[in-house]
Amino acid sequence: MNLHEYQAKALLAEFGIPVPPGKPAFSVSEAMEVADELGGGAWVVKAQIHGGGRGKAGGVKKVIGHGALEKTADSLLGTRLVTHQTGPGGQPVDRLLIEQPCVVMHEYYLACLVDRALERVVFIASRAGGMDIEEIAAQHPDKIIKVVADPIAGLQAYQCREVGFALGLKDKQVTALARLMLGIFHLFSARDLSLVEINPLAVTSGSDLIALDAKIQVDDNALFRQKALEDLHDSSQDDPKEHKAREFGLSYVALDGNIGCMVNGAGLAMATMDLIKLHGGAPANFLDVGGGTTADKVAEAFKLILSDANVKAILVNIFGGIVRCDLIAEGIIKAVQEVGIEIPVVVRLEGTNADMGRTLLQRSDLKIIAADSLTNAAKLVVAAVVKK
């Protein structure tokens, strides 16, 4: 789960990480009130969306005077900001962050994340912070500094100092960086985060370190014990189909293909998409209905898949372990009848009561194609799309 920048900075401040003075605004009038509260005659106006590259897309602007602030806030609120990370549809801007500007002498990059290969929490830093960090990482990997936190002892102060020296910081700045990194590590652990990214981490004219921008991702699997963070979720930033899926306990990710996939189990779903690609097709989605799925869930999954106008055929791949295949077959039949599906549906059932499930499908008199293996199912659904 992603947080907005102002939410991320509130968390950082809670754990002692310096951030610029600022507050969110949900309207032009609120933006003016925040500016008056912050004081001064210049402010930074930042569109709040779940996507990077806002600066290059015009979503971050420094303004001087109340007139310019009012005009900029009005021009951003209610629009959709398109960046290289949002896709062509962009993300809706319904809130802004108004901050006091500061004089920046140098920009660094700092992030804390989980390295899946190492199975450790790691810190990544670079002297080349700012908007082009991805390009720096791709073209100059030697400029990336990496330290690994011990899973028992945690991040150590000496590791933080080594990062500071590698970044070329001075004595007091090295000490400040150590406090900052240890604070981030504490935050990362206490709030079950999967990413904390500060880009840029700036050195001000007073030689202080400050998080000018912040991105935080929360581990979805830990939200049950992070209710306060779960309440911060902004559903307007979600894909509408993905948001609908969560309401019914379905795991859904929209893709660009034309073959809808309904599978129980994330690993099986990945294998299903791989086989569709192998045989010349393109999956339209990742959809995991879960191990203990029900007929109602299957019906909602069909509706979700069919809400994508690009879908030309559907592949249902169910392994009956926790749930019986005959119950799934009944759910599929009910869903096809209820939704009125007119595109080809290929179904592969395997596991508990699989034969019974296939018999139910064959006797349903519906346009459902039964497959006897996953490879056969993938070939059949690709052929159905080509024929269509």
Protein backbone atom coordinates (compact mmCIF):
# COMPACT_ATOMS: atom_id res chain seq x y z
CA MET A 1 0.00 0.00 0.00
CA ASN A 2 1.36 3.40 -1.00
CA LEU A 3 1.16 6.55 1.09
CA HIS A 4 1.00 10.11 -0.16
CA GLU A 5 4.05 12.28 0.37
CA TYR A 6 2.48 14.33 3.16
CA GLN A 7 1.49 11.11 4.97
CA ALA A 8 4.99 9.70 4.54
CA LYS A 9 6.57 12.87 5.89
CA ALA A 10 4.30 12.81 8.94
CA LEU A 11 5.61 9.31 9.69
CA LEU A 12 9.20 10.40 9.15
CA ALA A 13 8.75 13.34 11.51
CA GLU A 14 7.24 11.02 14.12
CA PHE A 15 10.50 9.06 14.11
CA GLY A 16 12.76 12.10 14.25
CA ILE A 17 13.62 12.50 10.56
CA PRO A 18 13.75 16.21 9.56
CA VAL A 19 11.18 17.30 6.93
CA PRO A 20 10.24 20.76 5.62
CA PRO A 21 7.34 22.55 7.34
CA GLY A 22 4.18 21.84 5.36
CA LYS A 23 0.56 20.70 5.39
CA PRO A 24 -1.91 19.10 2.98
CA ALA A 25 -4.70 21.06 1.32
CA PHE A 26 -7.83 19.63 -0.32
CA SER A 27 -9.08 22.86 -1.87
CA VAL A 28 -7.76 26.21 -3.09
CA SER A 29 -9.04 27.94 0.04
CA GLU A 30 -7.27 25.39 2.27
CA ALA A 31 -4.07 25.95 0.27
CA MET A 32 -4.29 29.68 1.00
CA GLU A 33 -4.92 29.00 4.71
CA VAL A 34 -1.91 26.65 4.91
CA ALA A 35 0.28 29.28 3.21
CA ASP A 36 -0.78 31.91 5.73
CA GLU A 37 -0.08 29.48 8.57
CA LEU A 38 3.38 28.64 7.22
CA GLY A 39 4.19 32.29 6.62
CA GLY A 40 6.64 33.81 4.17
CA GLY A 41 6.01 34.89 0.60
CA ALA A 42 7.04 31.77 -1.32
CA TRP A 43 5.87 28.16 -1.19
CA VAL A 44 6.29 24.84 -2.92
CA VAL A 45 3.05 23.32 -4.25
CA LYS A 46 3.13 19.53 -4.74
CA ALA A 47 0.42 17.43 -6.35
CA GLN A 48 -0.25 14.36 -4.21
CA ILE A 49 -0.50 11.21 -6.31
CA HIS A 50 0.85 7.66 -6.04
CA GLY A 51 3.47 8.02 -8.74
CA GLY A 52 6.97 9.35 -9.25
CA GLY A 53 8.19 11.87 -11.80
CA ARG A 54 5.84 14.63 -10.63
CA GLY A 55 8.46 17.35 -11.03
CA LYS A 56 9.05 16.69 -14.72
CA ALA A 57 5.29 16.43 -15.31
CA GLY A 58 4.53 19.82 -13.78
CA GLY A 59 3.18 18.49 -10.51
CA VAL A 60 5.72 20.29 -8.31
CA LYS A 61 5.99 24.08 -8.57
CA LYS A 62 7.58 26.86 -6.55
CA VAL A 63 5.35 29.92 -6.38
CA ILE A 64 5.89 33.44 -5.11
CA GLY A 65 2.96 35.40 -3.73
CA HIS A 66 -0.62 34.49 -2.87
CA GLY A 67 -1.87 35.15 -6.39
CA ALA A 68 0.52 32.62 -7.93
CA LEU A 69 -0.29 30.12 -5.19
CA GLU A 70 -4.03 30.43 -5.81
CA LYS A 71 -3.60 30.07 -9.57
CA THR A 72 -1.29 27.04 -9.26
CA ALA A 73 -3.50 25.26 -6.73
CA ASP A 74 -6.55 25.82 -8.93
CA SER A 75 -4.71 24.52 -12.01
CA LEU A 76 -3.70 21.27 -10.27
CA LEU A 77 -6.72 20.28 -8.17
CA GLY A 78 -9.29 18.23 -10.05
CA THR A 79 -6.92 17.28 -12.86
CA ARG A 80 -5.15 14.02 -13.71
CA LEU A 81 -1.37 14.17 -13.58
CA VAL A 82 0.42 12.01 -16.14
CA THR A 83 4.01 10.96 -15.39
CA HIS A 84 6.30 8.23 -16.68
CA GLN A 85 5.14 6.05 -13.76
CA THR A 86 1.37 6.56 -13.96
CA GLY A 87 0.68 5.44 -17.51
CA PRO A 88 -1.24 7.47 -20.10
CA GLY A 89 -4.37 7.75 -17.93
CA GLY A 90 -2.54 9.55 -15.14
CA GLN A 91 -3.65 9.80 -11.51
CA PRO A 92 -6.30 12.13 -10.06
CA VAL A 93 -5.08 15.14 -8.08
CA ASP A 94 -7.49 15.80 -5.22
CA ARG A 95 -5.01 17.05 -2.64
CA LEU A 96 -1.86 19.16 -2.50
CA LEU A 97 1.08 19.51 -0.16
CA ILE A 98 2.05 23.13 0.57
CA GLU A 99 5.58 23.51 1.97
CA GLN A 100 8.07 26.18 2.85
CA PRO A 101 10.96 26.21 0.36
CA CYS A 102 14.56 25.82 1.45
CA VAL A 103 17.92 26.54 -0.17
CA VAL A 104 19.45 23.26 -1.34
CA MET A 105 23.21 22.91 -1.63
CA HIS A 106 23.33 19.24 -2.64
CA GLU A 107 20.90 16.38 -3.29
CA TYR A 108 21.45 12.74 -2.29
CA TYR A 109 19.41 9.57 -2.64
CA LEU A 110 18.56 7.32 0.30
CA ALA A 111 16.23 4.33 0.50
CA CYS A 112 15.46 1.45 2.85
CA LEU A 113 13.84 -1.67 1.40
CA VAL A 114 13.67 -5.45 1.52
CA ASP A 115 16.19 -7.24 -0.71
CA ARG A 116 14.32 -10.41 -1.67
CA ALA A 117 17.46 -12.16 -2.90
CA LEU A 118 19.38 -11.50 0.31
CA GLU A 119 16.29 -11.85 2.53
CA ARG A 120 17.50 -8.79 4.42
CA VAL A 121 16.60 -5.15 4.93
CA VAL A 122 19.08 -2.99 3.02
CA PHE A 123 19.88 0.69 2.66
CA ILE A 124 20.76 2.14 -0.73
CA ALA A 125 22.36 5.57 -1.09
CA SER A 126 23.90 7.67 -3.84
CA ARG A 127 25.55 11.05 -4.22
CA ALA A 128 23.45 11.51 -7.36
CA GLY A 129 20.00 12.20 -5.95
CA GLY A 130 17.08 13.88 -7.67
CA MET A 131 14.76 13.09 -10.54
CA ASP A 132 17.19 11.00 -12.62
CA ILE A 133 18.15 8.39 -10.02
CA GLU A 134 16.82 5.51 -12.16
CA GLU A 135 19.08 6.55 -15.02
CA ILE A 136 22.06 6.86 -12.65
CA ALA A 137 21.42 3.37 -11.25
CA ALA A 138 21.17 1.86 -14.74
CA GLN A 139 24.18 3.61 -16.30
CA HIS A 140 26.47 4.10 -13.29
CA PRO A 141 25.85 1.28 -10.78
CA ASP A 142 29.23 2.07 -9.21
CA LYS A 143 27.67 5.24 -7.78
CA ILE A 144 25.20 3.22 -5.70
CA ILE A 145 26.15 2.48 -2.06
CA LYS A 146 24.53 -0.49 -0.35
CA VAL A 147 24.58 -1.70 3.27
CA VAL A 148 22.78 -4.73 4.71
CA ALA A 149 21.12 -4.73 8.13
CA ASP A 150 21.65 -7.80 10.29
CA PRO A 151 18.29 -9.54 10.91
CA ILE A 152 19.07 -9.91 14.64
CA ALA A 153 21.39 -7.02 15.53
CA GLY A 154 19.70 -4.61 13.12
CA LEU A 155 21.34 -1.63 11.44
CA GLN A 156 24.53 -0.52 13.18
CA ALA A 157 25.77 3.03 13.69
CA TYR A 158 29.13 2.25 12.06
CA GLN A 159 27.32 1.19 8.88
CA CYS A 160 25.56 4.56 8.81
CA ARG A 161 28.84 6.40 9.26
CA GLU A 162 30.38 4.41 6.40
CA VAL A 163 27.52 5.54 4.16
CA GLY A 164 28.07 9.14 5.26
CA PHE A 165 31.79 9.02 4.45
CA ALA A 166 31.07 7.38 1.08
CA LEU A 167 28.65 10.20 0.28
CA GLY A 168 31.32 12.76 1.11
CA LEU A 169 29.48 14.27 4.08
CA LYS A 170 31.28 16.26 6.77
CA ASP A 171 31.60 15.31 10.46
CA LYS A 172 28.34 16.74 11.82
CA GLN A 173 26.50 15.68 8.71
CA VAL A 174 27.76 12.11 9.11
CA THR A 175 26.40 12.08 12.66
CA ALA A 176 23.10 13.53 11.44
CA LEU A 177 22.88 10.91 8.70
CA ALA A 178 23.47 8.13 11.23
CA ARG A 179 20.59 9.40 13.39
CA LEU A 180 18.41 9.72 10.31
CA MET A 181 19.17 6.21 9.01
CA LEU A 182 18.64 4.62 12.42
CA GLY A 183 15.33 6.47 12.68
CA ILE A 184 14.27 5.16 9.27
CA PHE A 185 15.24 1.62 10.25
CA HIS A 186 13.18 1.90 13.43
CA LEU A 187 10.24 3.26 11.43
CA PHE A 188 10.63 0.52 8.80
CA SER A 189 10.48 -2.22 11.42
CA ALA A 190 7.82 -0.74 13.70
CA ARG A 191 5.35 0.04 10.92
CA ASP A 192 5.88 -3.07 8.75
CA LEU A 193 7.06 -1.12 5.72
CA SER A 194 8.41 -2.49 2.45
CA LEU A 195 9.98 0.75 1.19
CA VAL A 196 11.13 4.11 2.52
CA GLU A 197 12.59 6.30 -0.22
CA ILE A 198 13.93 9.81 0.33
CA ASN A 199 14.74 11.46 -2.97
CA PRO A 200 16.18 13.91 -2.59
CA LEU A 201 17.81 13.88 0.81
CA ALA A 202 19.06 17.47 0.75
CA VAL A 203 21.85 19.41 2.40
CA THR A 204 20.51 22.90 3.12
CA SER A 205 22.41 26.20 3.18
CA GLY A 206 22.80 25.66 6.93
CA SER A 207 24.48 22.27 6.27
CA ASP A 208 21.50 20.39 7.70
CA LEU A 209 20.06 17.18 6.26
CA ILE A 210 16.37 17.22 5.37
CA ALA A 211 13.99 14.88 3.53
CA LEU A 212 12.70 17.03 0.68
CA ASP A 213 10.60 14.24 -0.79
CA ALA A 214 9.48 10.91 0.63
CA LYS A 215 7.84 7.75 -0.61
CA ILE A 216 6.62 5.00 1.72
CA GLN A 217 5.08 1.63 0.93
CA VAL A 218 3.43 -0.50 3.62
CA ASP A 219 3.47 -4.29 3.44
CA ASP A 220 -0.13 -5.24 2.58
CA ASN A 221 0.25 -8.50 4.49
CA ALA A 222 0.83 -6.58 7.74
CA LEU A 223 -2.09 -4.16 7.49
CA PHE A 224 -4.10 -6.26 9.95
CA ARG A 225 -1.77 -4.97 12.69
CA GLN A 226 -1.26 -1.49 11.21
CA LYS A 227 -4.85 -0.23 11.25
CA ALA A 228 -3.80 3.41 11.57
CA LEU A 229 -1.82 3.13 8.33
CA GLU A 230 -4.57 1.16 6.59
CA ASP A 231 -6.93 4.07 7.27
CA LEU A 232 -4.59 6.35 5.29
CA HIS A 233 -5.21 4.45 2.06
CA ASP A 234 -6.47 6.65 -0.79
CA SER A 235 -8.63 4.42 -2.98
CA SER A 236 -8.92 7.13 -5.66
CA GLN A 237 -5.36 6.29 -6.67
CA ASP A 238 -6.18 2.62 -7.30
CA ASP A 239 -7.16 1.00 -10.54
CA PRO A 240 -11.00 0.80 -10.20
CA LYS A 241 -10.99 -2.94 -10.96
CA GLU A 242 -8.26 -3.61 -8.40
CA HIS A 243 -10.20 -1.63 -5.78
CA LYS A 244 -13.36 -3.61 -6.56
CA ALA A 245 -11.41 -6.87 -6.25
CA ARG A 246 -10.22 -6.02 -2.75
CA GLU A 247 -13.82 -5.53 -1.63
CA PHE A 248 -14.49 -9.20 -2.42
CA GLY A 249 -11.18 -10.57 -1.13
CA LEU A 250 -9.75 -11.10 -4.62
CA SER A 251 -6.17 -10.38 -5.67
CA TYR A 252 -6.33 -8.62 -9.04
CA VAL A 253 -3.77 -6.79 -11.17
CA ALA A 254 -4.77 -5.35 -14.55
CA LEU A 255 -2.49 -6.13 -17.52
CA ASP A 256 -2.49 -5.22 -21.22
CA GLY A 257 -3.55 -8.50 -22.87
CA ASN A 258 -6.89 -9.90 -24.04
CA ILE A 259 -7.15 -13.26 -22.21
CA GLY A 260 -8.77 -13.01 -18.80
CA CYS A 261 -7.37 -15.33 -16.13
CA MET A 262 -9.14 -16.71 -13.06
CA VAL A 263 -6.95 -18.94 -10.90
CA ASN A 264 -6.79 -20.05 -7.27
CA GLY A 265 -3.28 -19.49 -5.92
CA ALA A 266 -0.70 -16.85 -6.79
CA GLY A 267 1.94 -19.32 -7.99
CA LEU A 268 -0.56 -21.16 -10.18
CA ALA A 269 -1.75 -17.81 -11.55
CA MET A 270 1.81 -16.90 -12.54
CA ALA A 271 2.31 -20.29 -14.20
CA THR A 272 -0.99 -19.86 -16.06
CA MET A 273 0.06 -16.47 -17.44
CA ASP A 274 3.45 -17.89 -18.44
CA LEU A 275 1.81 -20.69 -20.44
CA ILE A 276 -0.55 -18.26 -22.15
CA LYS A 277 2.48 -16.21 -23.24
CA LEU A 278 4.37 -19.36 -24.26
CA HIS A 279 1.58 -20.33 -26.66
CA GLY A 280 1.28 -16.91 -28.23
CA GLY A 281 -1.37 -15.23 -26.09
CA ALA A 282 -1.39 -12.21 -23.79
CA PRO A 283 -2.95 -12.28 -20.29
CA ALA A 284 -5.32 -9.42 -19.49
CA ASN A 285 -4.95 -9.75 -15.75
CA PHE A 286 -3.58 -11.54 -12.74
CA LEU A 287 -6.53 -12.79 -10.67
CA ASP A 288 -6.18 -15.04 -7.63
CA VAL A 289 -9.57 -16.02 -6.16
CA GLY A 290 -7.89 -17.70 -3.17
CA GLY A 291 -7.67 -21.24 -1.90
CA GLY A 292 -11.05 -21.24 -0.18
CA THR A 293 -13.04 -19.60 -2.93
CA THR A 294 -16.84 -19.77 -3.19
CA ALA A 295 -19.44 -19.68 -5.97
CA ASP A 296 -20.17 -16.04 -5.16
CA LYS A 297 -16.49 -15.15 -5.41
CA VAL A 298 -16.28 -16.87 -8.78
CA ALA A 299 -19.27 -14.85 -10.02
CA GLU A 300 -17.70 -11.59 -8.86
CA ALA A 301 -14.39 -12.60 -10.47
CA PHE A 302 -16.15 -13.12 -13.81
CA LYS A 303 -17.79 -9.71 -13.54
CA LEU A 304 -14.42 -8.17 -12.76
CA ILE A 305 -12.72 -9.79 -15.74
CA LEU A 306 -15.54 -8.80 -18.09
CA SER A 307 -15.34 -5.17 -16.96
CA ASP A 308 -12.19 -5.03 -19.11
CA ALA A 309 -13.37 -4.36 -22.68
CA ASN A 310 -10.13 -5.83 -24.07
CA VAL A 311 -10.92 -9.37 -22.81
CA LYS A 312 -11.79 -11.70 -25.71
CA ALA A 313 -11.65 -15.04 -23.85
CA ILE A 314 -11.34 -16.34 -20.29
CA LEU A 315 -9.20 -19.13 -18.88
CA VAL A 316 -10.31 -20.58 -15.54
CA ASN A 317 -7.62 -22.73 -13.92
CA ILE A 318 -8.59 -24.26 -10.57
CA PHE A 319 -6.70 -26.77 -8.46
CA GLY A 320 -9.13 -28.32 -5.97
CA GLY A 321 -7.22 -28.78 -2.75
CA ILE A 322 -8.94 -26.81 -0.02
CA VAL A 323 -12.02 -26.35 -2.19
CA ARG A 324 -13.75 -29.11 -4.20
CA CYS A 325 -13.82 -28.86 -7.99
CA ASP A 326 -17.52 -29.74 -8.20
CA LEU A 327 -18.34 -26.68 -6.06
CA ILE A 328 -16.18 -24.53 -8.31
CA ALA A 329 -17.92 -25.96 -11.38
CA GLU A 330 -21.29 -25.05 -9.87
CA GLY A 331 -20.00 -21.54 -9.25
CA ILE A 332 -18.73 -21.23 -12.83
CA ILE A 333 -22.08 -22.40 -14.23
CA LYS A 334 -23.96 -19.98 -11.97
CA ALA A 335 -21.65 -17.12 -12.91
CA VAL A 336 -21.90 -17.77 -16.67
CA GLN A 337 -25.70 -17.87 -16.42
CA GLU A 338 -25.88 -14.80 -14.18
CA VAL A 339 -23.41 -12.61 -16.03
CA GLY A 340 -24.40 -13.73 -19.52
CA ILE A 341 -20.91 -14.34 -20.84
CA GLU A 342 -20.70 -14.31 -24.64
CA ILE A 343 -16.96 -14.82 -25.08
CA PRO A 344 -15.19 -18.24 -24.99
CA VAL A 345 -14.55 -19.68 -21.51
CA VAL A 346 -11.94 -22.43 -21.15
CA VAL A 347 -11.94 -24.29 -17.82
CA ARG A 348 -9.27 -26.59 -16.44
CA LEU A 349 -10.12 -28.35 -13.17
CA GLU A 350 -7.71 -30.60 -11.28
CA GLY A 351 -7.73 -32.07 -7.79
CA THR A 352 -10.56 -33.03 -5.44
CA ASN A 353 -13.69 -34.12 -7.36
CA ALA A 354 -12.19 -32.88 -10.65
CA ASP A 355 -14.01 -35.51 -12.73
CA MET A 356 -17.30 -34.60 -11.11
CA GLY A 357 -16.64 -30.93 -11.82
CA ARG A 358 -15.85 -31.54 -15.48
CA THR A 359 -19.03 -33.63 -15.83
CA LEU A 360 -21.12 -30.78 -14.43
CA LEU A 361 -19.57 -28.38 -16.94
CA GLN A 362 -20.17 -30.74 -19.89
CA ARG A 363 -23.84 -31.24 -18.91
CA SER A 364 -24.52 -27.54 -18.41
CA ASP A 365 -25.28 -26.90 -22.12
CA LEU A 366 -23.27 -23.69 -21.80
CA LYS A 367 -20.48 -22.58 -24.12
CA ILE A 368 -17.73 -23.74 -21.77
CA ILE A 369 -14.67 -25.52 -23.15
CA ALA A 370 -13.31 -28.14 -20.76
CA ALA A 371 -9.55 -28.79 -20.84
CA ASP A 372 -7.78 -31.86 -19.47
CA SER A 373 -4.45 -30.16 -18.72
CA LEU A 374 -3.03 -26.70 -18.19
CA THR A 375 -1.06 -26.81 -21.44
CA ASN A 376 -4.17 -27.89 -23.33
CA ALA A 377 -6.15 -25.09 -21.65
CA ALA A 378 -3.61 -22.47 -22.66
CA LYS A 379 -3.61 -23.68 -26.27
CA LEU A 380 -7.41 -23.75 -26.40
CA VAL A 381 -7.88 -20.25 -25.02
CA VAL A 382 -5.22 -18.76 -27.35
CA ALA A 383 -6.84 -20.53 -30.31
CA ALA A 384 -10.27 -19.21 -29.23
CA VAL A 385 -8.97 -15.64 -29.27
CA VAL A 386 -7.34 -16.06 -32.69
CA LYS A 387 -10.51 -17.64 -34.10
CA LYS A 388 -12.66 -14.89 -32.63
